[in-house]
Amino acid sequence: MNCIELKALQIAARIGTYAPDSVVPDVHLLDLARTIARHLVIIARDETAGVFDYDRLI
């Protein structure tokens, strides 16, 4: 199995509603781990040329 992890990714999002005088967070922190079965991975080797571009995800 292969695993991709994002830890403490800061997301500036307005989630939910807050009462007057409530503390509203500046950012939300995301911890995400995804496990992928090795036979579903489409690159043969782990090298810089095969790194995915995560800019769109972030």
Protein backbone atom coordinates (compact mmCIF):
# COMPACT_ATOMS: atom_id res chain seq x y z
CA MET A 1 0.00 0.00 0.00
CA ASN A 2 1.10 3.56 -0.71
CA CYS A 3 0.08 6.44 1.51
CA ILE A 4 -0.20 10.18 0.88
CA GLU A 5 -0.43 12.39 3.96
CA LEU A 6 -1.21 16.05 4.45
CA LYS A 7 -0.56 17.27 7.97
CA ALA A 8 -1.58 20.60 9.47
CA LEU A 9 -2.65 22.03 6.11
CA GLN A 10 -4.00 25.49 6.89
CA ILE A 11 -7.27 26.31 5.14
CA ALA A 12 -8.68 29.82 5.37
CA ALA A 13 -12.38 28.97 5.15
CA ARG A 14 -15.57 30.23 6.71
CA ILE A 15 -17.29 27.08 7.93
CA GLY A 16 -20.52 27.27 9.91
CA THR A 17 -22.07 30.20 11.73
CA TYR A 18 -20.95 31.85 14.92
CA ALA A 19 -22.87 33.68 17.61
CA PRO A 20 -22.06 37.31 18.34
CA ASP A 21 -18.87 37.66 20.42
CA SER A 22 -17.78 34.08 19.54
CA VAL A 23 -14.18 33.33 18.71
CA VAL A 24 -14.00 32.75 14.94
CA PRO A 25 -10.96 30.73 13.81
CA ASP A 26 -8.56 32.36 11.33
CA VAL A 27 -7.77 29.01 9.73
CA HIS A 28 -8.89 25.40 9.94
CA LEU A 29 -6.24 22.68 10.11
CA LEU A 30 -6.60 19.58 7.94
CA ASP A 31 -4.89 16.26 8.59
CA LEU A 32 -5.58 13.81 5.77
CA ALA A 33 -4.15 10.39 5.00
CA ARG A 34 -5.04 8.44 1.88
CA THR A 35 -3.92 4.87 1.33
CA ILE A 36 -3.78 3.57 -2.23
CA ALA A 37 -3.38 -0.05 -3.28
CA ARG A 38 -0.03 -0.46 -5.02
CA HIS A 39 -1.59 -1.94 -8.18
CA LEU A 40 -3.61 1.28 -8.68
CA VAL A 41 -0.55 3.57 -8.69
CA ILE A 42 0.18 4.71 -12.23
CA ILE A 43 3.88 5.61 -11.89
CA ALA A 44 6.51 2.88 -11.98
CA ARG A 45 9.09 4.53 -9.70
CA ASP A 46 9.16 7.13 -6.97
CA GLU A 47 11.26 9.92 -8.46
CA THR A 48 10.99 13.69 -8.81
CA ALA A 49 9.78 13.53 -12.43
CA GLY A 50 6.78 11.48 -11.31
CA VAL A 51 5.65 13.76 -8.49
CA PHE A 52 2.06 14.94 -8.77
CA ASP A 53 1.28 18.66 -8.77
CA TYR A 54 -0.65 19.32 -5.54
CA ASP A 55 -1.18 23.04 -6.22
CA ARG A 56 -4.76 22.48 -7.40
CA LEU A 57 -5.55 20.47 -4.27
CA ILE A 58 -4.20 23.17 -1.98
